[in-house]
Amino acid sequence: MKPIALTGIKPTGLPHIGNYLGMYRPALDLMEKYQGMYFVADYHALTTMHDPDTLGELVYAVAASWLALGLDPEDAIFFRQSDIPEIPEFTWILSCFTSKGLLNRAHAYKAAVDENLAANHDPDEGINAGLYNYPVLMSADILLYGSDVVPVGLDQKQHIEITRDIAEAFNRTYGNILKVPEGVIQKSVMKVPGIDGRKMSKSYDNTIPIFAPENKLRKRVMRIVTDSKRPEDPKDPENNTLFTLLQFFASPKRLAEIRDLYLHGGAAYGALKKELAELILEHFASARERYATLMADKTFIDKVLQDGAEKARQMGKPYLEAARKATGID
């Protein structure tokens, strides 16, 4: 069997081009060398998502996105996180080998604490235990299947480091039971800018959703923040959100032409935004059609996820059984 590459994505918003460039595409590319395991991380979403109807719909949206963007469930193992009952048990076992100090330093928890302190609130106000223990659940996702590599963005590198620390702590106690994974960072797509210039993120509401209705997608692109320079003014392409996004979708020849317009004058932001919207729609045309078909047949999505969960459980049981036996609770 090929080494395992594991990827999960939270159903907390509609998938956007930042997800595609930073996660979907790099993860699918790994299928050439690895056995791909992909999952919809609905347990992770519960830290912030408490509307069951919205969460259920977003689970389908994320699953349909994977399938529409090229995931083949015959080759990959594709499942919903909550369909794996071994995950909560394994999370508890791993939590008993995770130092509190390690979780105190987790970026998401620290950011939430810093935000409270800046507002003169109690440091832990509004922070649930799920957010605090999030890295342990992620570690269980990775370690349960003996994952070899995990493709992540630069901002999630710490999660892999924490997973490695937890696995090594367990192995120091009981021997070489858990496989220690490696993180794979695609440097060329470490940061995809959103329409406001910050990192594209659902939390900033600055995304360009891949499968939004065409008119909404065009409107989002037209909202990309630019400076007040006139078309004839020279511009710096290296520090320009619009040009950065064009780099991902324009052909090398066309990109060279646009770059020349930036440097020597002639780059009209409005026209280039319209061009970017066309390029995005063209790039995802077949995926958008496939996505619409899938979202109209959720029974099919359920069947795919259930079949994948059975495969994932068979892969995970030996690792959980080994951990139970090693700890003496089996």
C-alpha atoms as a PDB file:
ATOM      1  CA  MET A   1       0.000   0.000   0.000  1.00  0.00           C
ATOM      2  CA  LYS A   2       1.150   3.513  -0.783  1.00  0.00           C
ATOM      3  CA  PRO A   3       2.081   5.836   2.105  1.00  0.00           C
ATOM      4  CA  ILE A   4      -0.898   7.806   3.396  1.00  0.00           C
ATOM      5  CA  ALA A   5      -1.603  11.505   2.854  1.00  0.00           C
ATOM      6  CA  LEU A   6      -4.453  12.859   4.989  1.00  0.00           C
ATOM      7  CA  THR A   7      -6.414  16.075   4.443  1.00  0.00           C
ATOM      8  CA  GLY A   8      -9.484  17.444   6.200  1.00  0.00           C
ATOM      9  CA  ILE A   9     -11.441  20.650   5.751  1.00  0.00           C
ATOM     10  CA  LYS A  10     -13.962  22.246   8.093  1.00  0.00           C
ATOM     11  CA  PRO A  11     -17.495  22.863   6.820  1.00  0.00           C
ATOM     12  CA  THR A  12     -17.714  26.414   8.166  1.00  0.00           C
ATOM     13  CA  GLY A  13     -18.301  28.237   4.888  1.00  0.00           C
ATOM     14  CA  LEU A  14     -18.507  27.787   1.142  1.00  0.00           C
ATOM     15  CA  PRO A  15     -15.181  26.636  -0.376  1.00  0.00           C
ATOM     16  CA  HIS A  16     -13.229  29.489  -1.975  1.00  0.00           C
ATOM     17  CA  ILE A  17     -10.269  29.847  -4.301  1.00  0.00           C
ATOM     18  CA  GLY A  18      -7.912  30.143  -1.334  1.00  0.00           C
ATOM     19  CA  ASN A  19      -9.055  26.683  -0.195  1.00  0.00           C
ATOM     20  CA  TYR A  20      -8.576  25.351  -3.707  1.00  0.00           C
ATOM     21  CA  LEU A  21      -5.075  26.743  -4.209  1.00  0.00           C
ATOM     22  CA  GLY A  22      -3.914  26.117  -0.658  1.00  0.00           C
ATOM     23  CA  MET A  23      -5.577  22.772   0.115  1.00  0.00           C
ATOM     24  CA  TYR A  24      -7.758  21.062  -2.486  1.00  0.00           C
ATOM     25  CA  ARG A  25      -5.323  21.134  -5.398  1.00  0.00           C
ATOM     26  CA  PRO A  26      -2.118  20.333  -3.427  1.00  0.00           C
ATOM     27  CA  ALA A  27      -3.912  17.511  -1.600  1.00  0.00           C
ATOM     28  CA  LEU A  28      -5.281  15.988  -4.802  1.00  0.00           C
ATOM     29  CA  ASP A  29      -1.870  16.258  -6.476  1.00  0.00           C
ATOM     30  CA  LEU A  30      -0.431  14.017  -3.751  1.00  0.00           C
ATOM     31  CA  MET A  31      -2.583  11.147  -5.032  1.00  0.00           C
ATOM     32  CA  GLU A  32       0.117  10.331  -7.575  1.00  0.00           C
ATOM     33  CA  LYS A  33       2.472   9.148  -4.836  1.00  0.00           C
ATOM     34  CA  TYR A  34       0.216   8.565  -1.836  1.00  0.00           C
ATOM     35  CA  GLN A  35      -2.971   6.842  -0.770  1.00  0.00           C
ATOM     36  CA  GLY A  36      -5.212   9.852  -0.291  1.00  0.00           C
ATOM     37  CA  MET A  37      -7.519  10.123   2.705  1.00  0.00           C
ATOM     38  CA  TYR A  38      -9.884  13.109   2.672  1.00  0.00           C
ATOM     39  CA  PHE A  39     -12.516  13.983   5.220  1.00  0.00           C
ATOM     40  CA  VAL A  40     -15.125  16.586   6.072  1.00  0.00           C
ATOM     41  CA  ALA A  41     -14.202  17.798   9.559  1.00  0.00           C
ATOM     42  CA  ASP A  42     -17.654  18.361  11.039  1.00  0.00           C
ATOM     43  CA  TYR A  43     -16.543  17.706  14.636  1.00  0.00           C
ATOM     44  CA  HIS A  44     -14.020  20.531  14.267  1.00  0.00           C
ATOM     45  CA  ALA A  45     -16.752  22.847  12.999  1.00  0.00           C
ATOM     46  CA  LEU A  46     -18.695  22.450  16.265  1.00  0.00           C
ATOM     47  CA  THR A  47     -16.286  24.805  18.032  1.00  0.00           C
ATOM     48  CA  THR A  48     -18.012  27.705  16.255  1.00  0.00           C
ATOM     49  CA  MET A  49     -20.946  26.297  14.265  1.00  0.00           C
ATOM     50  CA  HIS A  50     -24.015  25.674  16.427  1.00  0.00           C
ATOM     51  CA  ASP A  51     -26.791  25.804  13.819  1.00  0.00           C
ATOM     52  CA  PRO A  52     -27.502  22.172  12.856  1.00  0.00           C
ATOM     53  CA  ASP A  53     -29.244  22.987   9.581  1.00  0.00           C
ATOM     54  CA  THR A  54     -26.423  25.242   8.400  1.00  0.00           C
ATOM     55  CA  LEU A  55     -23.774  22.735   9.439  1.00  0.00           C
ATOM     56  CA  GLY A  56     -25.567  19.899   7.649  1.00  0.00           C
ATOM     57  CA  GLU A  57     -25.818  21.907   4.431  1.00  0.00           C
ATOM     58  CA  LEU A  58     -22.150  22.939   4.591  1.00  0.00           C
ATOM     59  CA  VAL A  59     -21.090  19.311   5.068  1.00  0.00           C
ATOM     60  CA  TYR A  60     -22.732  18.535   1.739  1.00  0.00           C
ATOM     61  CA  ALA A  61     -21.189  21.645   0.149  1.00  0.00           C
ATOM     62  CA  VAL A  62     -17.667  20.634   1.185  1.00  0.00           C
ATOM     63  CA  ALA A  63     -18.187  17.010   0.145  1.00  0.00           C
ATOM     64  CA  ALA A  64     -19.579  18.068  -3.230  1.00  0.00           C
ATOM     65  CA  SER A  65     -16.631  20.433  -3.661  1.00  0.00           C
ATOM     66  CA  TRP A  66     -14.093  17.646  -3.198  1.00  0.00           C
ATOM     67  CA  LEU A  67     -15.899  15.450  -5.707  1.00  0.00           C
ATOM     68  CA  ALA A  68     -16.451  18.266  -8.204  1.00  0.00           C
ATOM     69  CA  LEU A  69     -12.793  19.314  -8.057  1.00  0.00           C
ATOM     70  CA  GLY A  70     -11.521  15.878  -8.994  1.00  0.00           C
ATOM     71  CA  LEU A  71     -11.542  13.550  -5.999  1.00  0.00           C
ATOM     72  CA  ASP A  72     -12.274   9.996  -7.162  1.00  0.00           C
ATOM     73  CA  PRO A  73     -13.839   8.007  -4.289  1.00  0.00           C
ATOM     74  CA  GLU A  74     -12.774   4.785  -5.997  1.00  0.00           C
ATOM     75  CA  ASP A  75      -9.106   5.722  -5.592  1.00  0.00           C
ATOM     76  CA  ALA A  76      -9.269   7.879  -2.467  1.00  0.00           C
ATOM     77  CA  ILE A  77     -10.790   7.206   0.943  1.00  0.00           C
ATOM     78  CA  PHE A  78     -13.347   9.961   1.460  1.00  0.00           C
ATOM     79  CA  PHE A  79     -15.475  10.245   4.584  1.00  0.00           C
ATOM     80  CA  ARG A  80     -17.214  12.394   7.185  1.00  0.00           C
ATOM     81  CA  GLN A  81     -15.313  12.757  10.449  1.00  0.00           C
ATOM     82  CA  SER A  82     -18.353  12.132  12.653  1.00  0.00           C
ATOM     83  CA  ASP A  83     -18.934   8.757  10.966  1.00  0.00           C
ATOM     84  CA  ILE A  84     -15.775   7.447  12.690  1.00  0.00           C
ATOM     85  CA  PRO A  85     -16.723   6.585  16.313  1.00  0.00           C
ATOM     86  CA  GLU A  86     -13.119   5.630  17.035  1.00  0.00           C
ATOM     87  CA  ILE A  87     -12.085   9.299  16.762  1.00  0.00           C
ATOM     88  CA  PRO A  88     -13.581  10.563  20.087  1.00  0.00           C
ATOM     89  CA  GLU A  89     -12.120   7.601  21.993  1.00  0.00           C
ATOM     90  CA  PHE A  90      -8.704   8.066  20.440  1.00  0.00           C
ATOM     91  CA  THR A  91      -8.884  11.798  21.169  1.00  0.00           C
ATOM     92  CA  TRP A  92      -9.341  11.064  24.870  1.00  0.00           C
ATOM     93  CA  ILE A  93      -6.423   8.652  24.961  1.00  0.00           C
ATOM     94  CA  LEU A  94      -4.159  11.187  23.237  1.00  0.00           C
ATOM     95  CA  SER A  95      -5.328  14.012  25.500  1.00  0.00           C
ATOM     96  CA  CYS A  96      -3.849  12.107  28.434  1.00  0.00           C
ATOM     97  CA  PHE A  97      -0.423  12.452  26.795  1.00  0.00           C
ATOM     98  CA  THR A  98      -0.808  16.116  25.853  1.00  0.00           C
ATOM     99  CA  SER A  99       0.615  18.741  28.171  1.00  0.00           C
ATOM    100  CA  LYS A 100      -1.634  21.663  29.023  1.00  0.00           C
ATOM    101  CA  GLY A 101       1.261  23.983  28.232  1.00  0.00           C
ATOM    102  CA  LEU A 102       1.314  22.675  24.680  1.00  0.00           C
ATOM    103  CA  LEU A 103      -2.363  23.568  24.231  1.00  0.00           C
ATOM    104  CA  ASN A 104      -1.830  26.946  25.904  1.00  0.00           C
ATOM    105  CA  ARG A 105       0.551  27.814  23.071  1.00  0.00           C
ATOM    106  CA  ALA A 106      -1.782  26.779  20.243  1.00  0.00           C
ATOM    107  CA  HIS A 107      -2.285  29.697  17.871  1.00  0.00           C
ATOM    108  CA  ALA A 108      -6.104  29.632  17.753  1.00  0.00           C
ATOM    109  CA  TYR A 109      -6.442  29.587  21.546  1.00  0.00           C
ATOM    110  CA  LYS A 110      -3.792  32.276  22.027  1.00  0.00           C
ATOM    111  CA  ALA A 111      -5.455  34.498  19.428  1.00  0.00           C
ATOM    112  CA  ALA A 112      -8.812  34.180  21.198  1.00  0.00           C
ATOM    113  CA  VAL A 113      -7.218  35.006  24.567  1.00  0.00           C
ATOM    114  CA  ASP A 114      -5.363  37.998  23.107  1.00  0.00           C
ATOM    115  CA  GLU A 115      -8.599  39.303  21.605  1.00  0.00           C
ATOM    116  CA  ASN A 116     -10.293  39.094  25.006  1.00  0.00           C
ATOM    117  CA  LEU A 117      -7.413  40.850  26.739  1.00  0.00           C
ATOM    118  CA  ALA A 118      -7.422  43.620  24.144  1.00  0.00           C
ATOM    119  CA  ALA A 119     -11.112  44.172  24.895  1.00  0.00           C
ATOM    120  CA  ASN A 120     -10.487  44.112  28.691  1.00  0.00           C
ATOM    121  CA  HIS A 121     -12.474  40.902  29.063  1.00  0.00           C
ATOM    122  CA  ASP A 122     -11.695  37.778  31.060  1.00  0.00           C
ATOM    123  CA  PRO A 123      -8.967  35.895  29.132  1.00  0.00           C
ATOM    124  CA  ASP A 124     -11.164  32.836  28.559  1.00  0.00           C
ATOM    125  CA  GLU A 125     -14.480  34.584  27.949  1.00  0.00           C
ATOM    126  CA  GLY A 126     -16.420  32.847  25.178  1.00  0.00           C
ATOM    127  CA  ILE A 127     -13.739  30.196  24.642  1.00  0.00           C
ATOM    128  CA  ASN A 128     -15.114  26.665  24.774  1.00  0.00           C
ATOM    129  CA  ALA A 129     -13.152  23.542  25.640  1.00  0.00           C
ATOM    130  CA  GLY A 130     -13.563  22.340  22.065  1.00  0.00           C
ATOM    131  CA  LEU A 131     -11.450  25.231  20.784  1.00  0.00           C
ATOM    132  CA  TYR A 132      -8.866  24.590  23.495  1.00  0.00           C
ATOM    133  CA  ASN A 133      -8.687  20.849  22.743  1.00  0.00           C
ATOM    134  CA  TYR A 134      -8.901  21.320  18.974  1.00  0.00           C
ATOM    135  CA  PRO A 135      -5.242  20.297  18.396  1.00  0.00           C
ATOM    136  CA  VAL A 136      -5.806  16.964  20.160  1.00  0.00           C
ATOM    137  CA  LEU A 137      -8.790  16.141  17.965  1.00  0.00           C
ATOM    138  CA  MET A 138      -6.719  17.043  14.924  1.00  0.00           C
ATOM    139  CA  SER A 139      -3.943  14.788  16.184  1.00  0.00           C
ATOM    140  CA  ALA A 140      -6.415  11.925  16.532  1.00  0.00           C
ATOM    141  CA  ASP A 141      -7.550  12.501  12.935  1.00  0.00           C
ATOM    142  CA  ILE A 142      -3.970  12.190  11.742  1.00  0.00           C
ATOM    143  CA  LEU A 143      -2.602   9.443  13.982  1.00  0.00           C
ATOM    144  CA  LEU A 144      -5.571   7.061  13.865  1.00  0.00           C
ATOM    145  CA  TYR A 145      -4.798   6.017  10.281  1.00  0.00           C
ATOM    146  CA  GLY A 146      -1.015   6.007  10.478  1.00  0.00           C
ATOM    147  CA  SER A 147      -0.797   9.026   8.194  1.00  0.00           C
ATOM    148  CA  ASP A 148       2.616   9.633   6.672  1.00  0.00           C
ATOM    149  CA  VAL A 149       2.138  13.188   5.419  1.00  0.00           C
ATOM    150  CA  VAL A 150      -0.377  15.977   5.954  1.00  0.00           C
ATOM    151  CA  PRO A 151      -0.527  18.853   3.460  1.00  0.00           C
ATOM    152  CA  VAL A 152      -1.118  22.103   5.352  1.00  0.00           C
ATOM    153  CA  GLY A 153      -0.864  25.832   4.911  1.00  0.00           C
ATOM    154  CA  LEU A 154       1.886  27.728   6.677  1.00  0.00           C
ATOM    155  CA  ASP A 155      -0.588  28.886   9.330  1.00  0.00           C
ATOM    156  CA  GLN A 156      -1.351  25.261  10.259  1.00  0.00           C
ATOM    157  CA  LYS A 157       2.230  24.111  10.549  1.00  0.00           C
ATOM    158  CA  GLN A 158       1.929  24.262  14.330  1.00  0.00           C
ATOM    159  CA  HIS A 159      -0.840  21.637  14.294  1.00  0.00           C
ATOM    160  CA  ILE A 160       1.550  19.132  12.734  1.00  0.00           C
ATOM    161  CA  GLU A 161       4.225  20.003  15.271  1.00  0.00           C
ATOM    162  CA  ILE A 162       1.738  19.430  18.100  1.00  0.00           C
ATOM    163  CA  THR A 163       0.665  16.122  16.557  1.00  0.00           C
ATOM    164  CA  ARG A 164       4.278  15.005  16.377  1.00  0.00           C
ATOM    165  CA  ASP A 165       4.833  16.034  20.010  1.00  0.00           C
ATOM    166  CA  ILE A 166       1.786  14.032  21.151  1.00  0.00           C
ATOM    167  CA  ALA A 167       2.780  10.944  19.165  1.00  0.00           C
ATOM    168  CA  GLU A 168       6.330  11.087  20.473  1.00  0.00           C
ATOM    169  CA  ALA A 169       5.100  11.490  24.067  1.00  0.00           C
ATOM    170  CA  PHE A 170       2.892   8.400  23.674  1.00  0.00           C
ATOM    171  CA  ASN A 171       5.704   6.411  22.077  1.00  0.00           C
ATOM    172  CA  ARG A 172       8.168   7.376  24.797  1.00  0.00           C
ATOM    173  CA  THR A 173       5.803   5.788  27.293  1.00  0.00           C
ATOM    174  CA  TYR A 174       4.712   2.659  25.411  1.00  0.00           C
ATOM    175  CA  GLY A 175       7.147   2.065  22.577  1.00  0.00           C
ATOM    176  CA  ASN A 176       6.880   2.637  18.859  1.00  0.00           C
ATOM    177  CA  ILE A 177       3.078   2.425  18.561  1.00  0.00           C
ATOM    178  CA  LEU A 178       2.091   5.566  16.654  1.00  0.00           C
ATOM    179  CA  LYS A 179       3.510   6.742  13.355  1.00  0.00           C
ATOM    180  CA  VAL A 180       4.974  10.267  13.555  1.00  0.00           C
ATOM    181  CA  PRO A 181       3.751  12.236  10.508  1.00  0.00           C
ATOM    182  CA  GLU A 182       5.369  14.937   8.396  1.00  0.00           C
ATOM    183  CA  GLY A 183       3.772  18.169   7.249  1.00  0.00           C
ATOM    184  CA  VAL A 184       3.888  19.111   3.568  1.00  0.00           C
ATOM    185  CA  ILE A 185       3.710  22.850   2.856  1.00  0.00           C
ATOM    186  CA  GLN A 186       3.134  24.011  -0.719  1.00  0.00           C
ATOM    187  CA  LYS A 187       5.305  27.133  -0.644  1.00  0.00           C
ATOM    188  CA  SER A 188       3.984  28.575  -3.900  1.00  0.00           C
ATOM    189  CA  VAL A 189       0.507  28.950  -2.421  1.00  0.00           C
ATOM    190  CA  MET A 190       1.286  29.725   1.202  1.00  0.00           C
ATOM    191  CA  LYS A 191      -0.834  32.877   1.126  1.00  0.00           C
ATOM    192  CA  VAL A 192      -3.708  33.599  -1.231  1.00  0.00           C
ATOM    193  CA  PRO A 193      -4.964  37.171  -0.739  1.00  0.00           C
ATOM    194  CA  GLY A 194      -8.621  37.910  -0.235  1.00  0.00           C
ATOM    195  CA  ILE A 195     -10.499  40.763  -1.860  1.00  0.00           C
ATOM    196  CA  ASP A 196      -9.325  43.136   0.893  1.00  0.00           C
ATOM    197  CA  GLY A 197      -5.635  42.196   0.607  1.00  0.00           C
ATOM    198  CA  ARG A 198      -5.489  40.130   3.793  1.00  0.00           C
ATOM    199  CA  LYS A 199      -5.203  36.362   3.676  1.00  0.00           C
ATOM    200  CA  MET A 200      -8.308  34.894   2.051  1.00  0.00           C
ATOM    201  CA  SER A 201     -10.359  33.564   4.938  1.00  0.00           C
ATOM    202  CA  LYS A 202     -14.004  32.934   5.752  1.00  0.00           C
ATOM    203  CA  SER A 203     -13.478  34.690   9.084  1.00  0.00           C
ATOM    204  CA  TYR A 204     -12.553  37.913   7.247  1.00  0.00           C
ATOM    205  CA  ASP A 205     -15.477  37.632   4.802  1.00  0.00           C
ATOM    206  CA  ASN A 206     -13.041  38.393   1.982  1.00  0.00           C
ATOM    207  CA  THR A 207     -13.314  35.208  -0.057  1.00  0.00           C
ATOM    208  CA  ILE A 208     -14.208  34.428  -3.654  1.00  0.00           C
ATOM    209  CA  PRO A 209     -16.414  31.304  -3.367  1.00  0.00           C
ATOM    210  CA  ILE A 210     -15.799  28.845  -6.194  1.00  0.00           C
ATOM    211  CA  PHE A 211     -19.371  27.636  -6.466  1.00  0.00           C
ATOM    212  CA  ALA A 212     -21.276  30.856  -5.806  1.00  0.00           C
ATOM    213  CA  PRO A 213     -23.863  31.859  -8.433  1.00  0.00           C
ATOM    214  CA  GLU A 214     -22.146  33.546 -11.366  1.00  0.00           C
ATOM    215  CA  ASN A 215     -23.460  37.031 -10.615  1.00  0.00           C
ATOM    216  CA  LYS A 216     -22.333  36.819  -6.966  1.00  0.00           C
ATOM    217  CA  LEU A 217     -18.893  35.580  -7.966  1.00  0.00           C
ATOM    218  CA  ARG A 218     -18.488  38.483 -10.384  1.00  0.00           C
ATOM    219  CA  LYS A 219     -19.566  40.966  -7.695  1.00  0.00           C
ATOM    220  CA  ARG A 220     -17.010  39.576  -5.246  1.00  0.00           C
ATOM    221  CA  VAL A 221     -14.225  39.943  -7.795  1.00  0.00           C
ATOM    222  CA  MET A 222     -15.273  43.522  -8.590  1.00  0.00           C
ATOM    223  CA  ARG A 223     -14.919  44.311  -4.857  1.00  0.00           C
ATOM    224  CA  ILE A 224     -11.177  43.573  -4.853  1.00  0.00           C
ATOM    225  CA  VAL A 225      -9.514  46.525  -3.121  1.00  0.00           C
ATOM    226  CA  THR A 226      -7.185  48.557  -5.349  1.00  0.00           C
ATOM    227  CA  ASP A 227      -5.459  51.926  -5.089  1.00  0.00           C
ATOM    228  CA  SER A 228      -6.607  55.172  -6.737  1.00  0.00           C
ATOM    229  CA  LYS A 229      -4.080  55.201  -9.578  1.00  0.00           C
ATOM    230  CA  ARG A 230      -5.340  55.907 -13.084  1.00  0.00           C
ATOM    231  CA  PRO A 231      -5.002  53.337 -15.885  1.00  0.00           C
ATOM    232  CA  GLU A 232      -2.119  55.238 -17.455  1.00  0.00           C
ATOM    233  CA  ASP A 233      -0.149  55.409 -14.202  1.00  0.00           C
ATOM    234  CA  PRO A 234       2.669  52.868 -13.603  1.00  0.00           C
ATOM    235  CA  LYS A 235       1.882  50.402 -10.800  1.00  0.00           C
ATOM    236  CA  ASP A 236       3.780  47.886  -8.698  1.00  0.00           C
ATOM    237  CA  PRO A 237       2.578  44.362  -9.588  1.00  0.00           C
ATOM    238  CA  GLU A 238       4.489  42.797  -6.711  1.00  0.00           C
ATOM    239  CA  ASN A 239       2.321  44.491  -4.074  1.00  0.00           C
ATOM    240  CA  ASN A 240      -1.039  44.361  -5.768  1.00  0.00           C
ATOM    241  CA  THR A 241      -3.826  42.002  -4.717  1.00  0.00           C
ATOM    242  CA  LEU A 242      -5.447  41.946  -8.136  1.00  0.00           C
ATOM    243  CA  PHE A 243      -2.214  41.053  -9.918  1.00  0.00           C
ATOM    244  CA  THR A 244      -1.457  38.342  -7.336  1.00  0.00           C
ATOM    245  CA  LEU A 245      -4.825  36.695  -7.998  1.00  0.00           C
ATOM    246  CA  LEU A 246      -4.360  36.994 -11.752  1.00  0.00           C
ATOM    247  CA  GLN A 247      -1.103  35.042 -11.397  1.00  0.00           C
ATOM    248  CA  PHE A 248      -3.068  31.958 -10.368  1.00  0.00           C
ATOM    249  CA  PHE A 249      -5.364  31.917 -13.392  1.00  0.00           C
ATOM    250  CA  ALA A 250      -3.899  33.850 -16.338  1.00  0.00           C
ATOM    251  CA  SER A 251      -1.706  32.100 -18.913  1.00  0.00           C
ATOM    252  CA  PRO A 252       2.035  32.906 -18.726  1.00  0.00           C
ATOM    253  CA  LYS A 253       1.783  34.891 -21.959  1.00  0.00           C
ATOM    254  CA  ARG A 254      -1.181  36.953 -20.799  1.00  0.00           C
ATOM    255  CA  LEU A 255       0.346  37.475 -17.369  1.00  0.00           C
ATOM    256  CA  ALA A 256       3.499  38.891 -18.963  1.00  0.00           C
ATOM    257  CA  GLU A 257       1.338  41.304 -20.949  1.00  0.00           C
ATOM    258  CA  ILE A 258      -0.518  42.411 -17.818  1.00  0.00           C
ATOM    259  CA  ARG A 259       2.721  42.841 -15.921  1.00  0.00           C
ATOM    260  CA  ASP A 260       4.016  45.106 -18.678  1.00  0.00           C
ATOM    261  CA  LEU A 261       0.838  47.202 -18.419  1.00  0.00           C
ATOM    262  CA  TYR A 262       1.388  47.541 -14.670  1.00  0.00           C
ATOM    263  CA  LEU A 263       4.978  48.636 -15.060  1.00  0.00           C
ATOM    264  CA  HIS A 264       4.572  51.034 -17.997  1.00  0.00           C
ATOM    265  CA  GLY A 265       0.961  52.200 -17.723  1.00  0.00           C
ATOM    266  CA  GLY A 266      -2.242  50.912 -19.249  1.00  0.00           C
ATOM    267  CA  ALA A 267      -3.506  48.601 -16.500  1.00  0.00           C
ATOM    268  CA  ALA A 268      -7.161  49.487 -15.884  1.00  0.00           C
ATOM    269  CA  TYR A 269      -8.311  47.863 -12.658  1.00  0.00           C
ATOM    270  CA  GLY A 270     -11.963  47.585 -13.667  1.00  0.00           C
ATOM    271  CA  ALA A 271     -11.177  45.783 -16.914  1.00  0.00           C
ATOM    272  CA  LEU A 272      -8.690  43.471 -15.201  1.00  0.00           C
ATOM    273  CA  LYS A 273     -11.214  42.550 -12.512  1.00  0.00           C
ATOM    274  CA  LYS A 274     -13.696  41.574 -15.206  1.00  0.00           C
ATOM    275  CA  GLU A 275     -10.955  39.526 -16.888  1.00  0.00           C
ATOM    276  CA  LEU A 276     -10.137  37.781 -13.610  1.00  0.00           C
ATOM    277  CA  ALA A 277     -13.804  36.883 -13.092  1.00  0.00           C
ATOM    278  CA  GLU A 278     -13.927  35.366 -16.585  1.00  0.00           C
ATOM    279  CA  LEU A 279     -10.736  33.407 -15.944  1.00  0.00           C
ATOM    280  CA  ILE A 280     -12.096  32.000 -12.676  1.00  0.00           C
ATOM    281  CA  LEU A 281     -15.408  31.019 -14.236  1.00  0.00           C
ATOM    282  CA  GLU A 282     -13.595  29.383 -17.161  1.00  0.00           C
ATOM    283  CA  HIS A 283     -11.154  27.542 -14.887  1.00  0.00           C
ATOM    284  CA  PHE A 284     -13.943  26.070 -12.751  1.00  0.00           C
ATOM    285  CA  ALA A 285     -16.617  25.666 -15.458  1.00  0.00           C
ATOM    286  CA  SER A 286     -16.769  21.872 -15.416  1.00  0.00           C
ATOM    287  CA  ALA A 287     -16.376  21.725 -11.619  1.00  0.00           C
ATOM    288  CA  ARG A 288     -19.240  24.181 -11.141  1.00  0.00           C
ATOM    289  CA  GLU A 289     -21.484  22.067 -13.352  1.00  0.00           C
ATOM    290  CA  ARG A 290     -20.530  18.902 -11.486  1.00  0.00           C
ATOM    291  CA  TYR A 291     -21.075  20.623  -8.123  1.00  0.00           C
ATOM    292  CA  ALA A 292     -24.621  21.643  -9.060  1.00  0.00           C
ATOM    293  CA  THR A 293     -25.400  18.068 -10.082  1.00  0.00           C
ATOM    294  CA  LEU A 294     -24.042  16.661  -6.827  1.00  0.00           C
ATOM    295  CA  MET A 295     -25.894  19.134  -4.601  1.00  0.00           C
ATOM    296  CA  ALA A 296     -29.107  18.039  -6.300  1.00  0.00           C
ATOM    297  CA  ASP A 297     -28.404  14.398  -5.344  1.00  0.00           C
ATOM    298  CA  LYS A 298     -27.406  14.364  -1.672  1.00  0.00           C
ATOM    299  CA  THR A 299     -28.305  10.692  -1.347  1.00  0.00           C
ATOM    300  CA  PHE A 300     -25.363   9.954  -3.611  1.00  0.00           C
ATOM    301  CA  ILE A 301     -23.072  12.095  -1.436  1.00  0.00           C
ATOM    302  CA  ASP A 302     -24.256  10.228   1.678  1.00  0.00           C
ATOM    303  CA  LYS A 303     -23.487   6.883   0.034  1.00  0.00           C
ATOM    304  CA  VAL A 304     -19.994   7.999  -0.967  1.00  0.00           C
ATOM    305  CA  LEU A 305     -19.214   9.251   2.541  1.00  0.00           C
ATOM    306  CA  GLN A 306     -20.617   6.121   4.227  1.00  0.00           C
ATOM    307  CA  ASP A 307     -18.599   3.823   1.978  1.00  0.00           C
ATOM    308  CA  GLY A 308     -15.482   5.859   2.704  1.00  0.00           C
ATOM    309  CA  ALA A 309     -16.125   5.765   6.440  1.00  0.00           C
ATOM    310  CA  GLU A 310     -16.187   1.957   6.412  1.00  0.00           C
ATOM    311  CA  LYS A 311     -12.780   1.904   4.718  1.00  0.00           C
ATOM    312  CA  ALA A 312     -11.392   4.519   7.111  1.00  0.00           C
ATOM    313  CA  ARG A 313     -12.630   2.603  10.163  1.00  0.00           C
ATOM    314  CA  GLN A 314     -10.929  -0.565   8.985  1.00  0.00           C
ATOM    315  CA  MET A 315      -7.670   1.362   8.640  1.00  0.00           C
ATOM    316  CA  GLY A 316      -8.039   3.031  12.033  1.00  0.00           C
ATOM    317  CA  LYS A 317      -9.019   0.075  14.190  1.00  0.00           C
ATOM    318  CA  PRO A 318      -5.533  -1.511  14.378  1.00  0.00           C
ATOM    319  CA  TYR A 319      -4.002   1.742  15.657  1.00  0.00           C
ATOM    320  CA  LEU A 320      -6.739   2.245  18.257  1.00  0.00           C
ATOM    321  CA  GLU A 321      -6.498  -1.385  19.354  1.00  0.00           C
ATOM    322  CA  ALA A 322      -2.714  -1.060  19.674  1.00  0.00           C
ATOM    323  CA  ALA A 323      -3.115   2.092  21.763  1.00  0.00           C
ATOM    324  CA  ARG A 324      -5.734   0.458  23.983  1.00  0.00           C
ATOM    325  CA  LYS A 325      -3.562  -2.607  24.482  1.00  0.00           C
ATOM    326  CA  ALA A 326      -0.470  -0.526  25.220  1.00  0.00           C
ATOM    327  CA  THR A 327      -2.274   1.552  27.857  1.00  0.00           C
ATOM    328  CA  GLY A 328      -3.850  -1.482  29.487  1.00  0.00           C
ATOM    329  CA  ILE A 329      -7.492  -0.459  28.977  1.00  0.00           C
ATOM    330  CA  ASP A 330      -8.220  -3.208  26.447  1.00  0.00           C
END
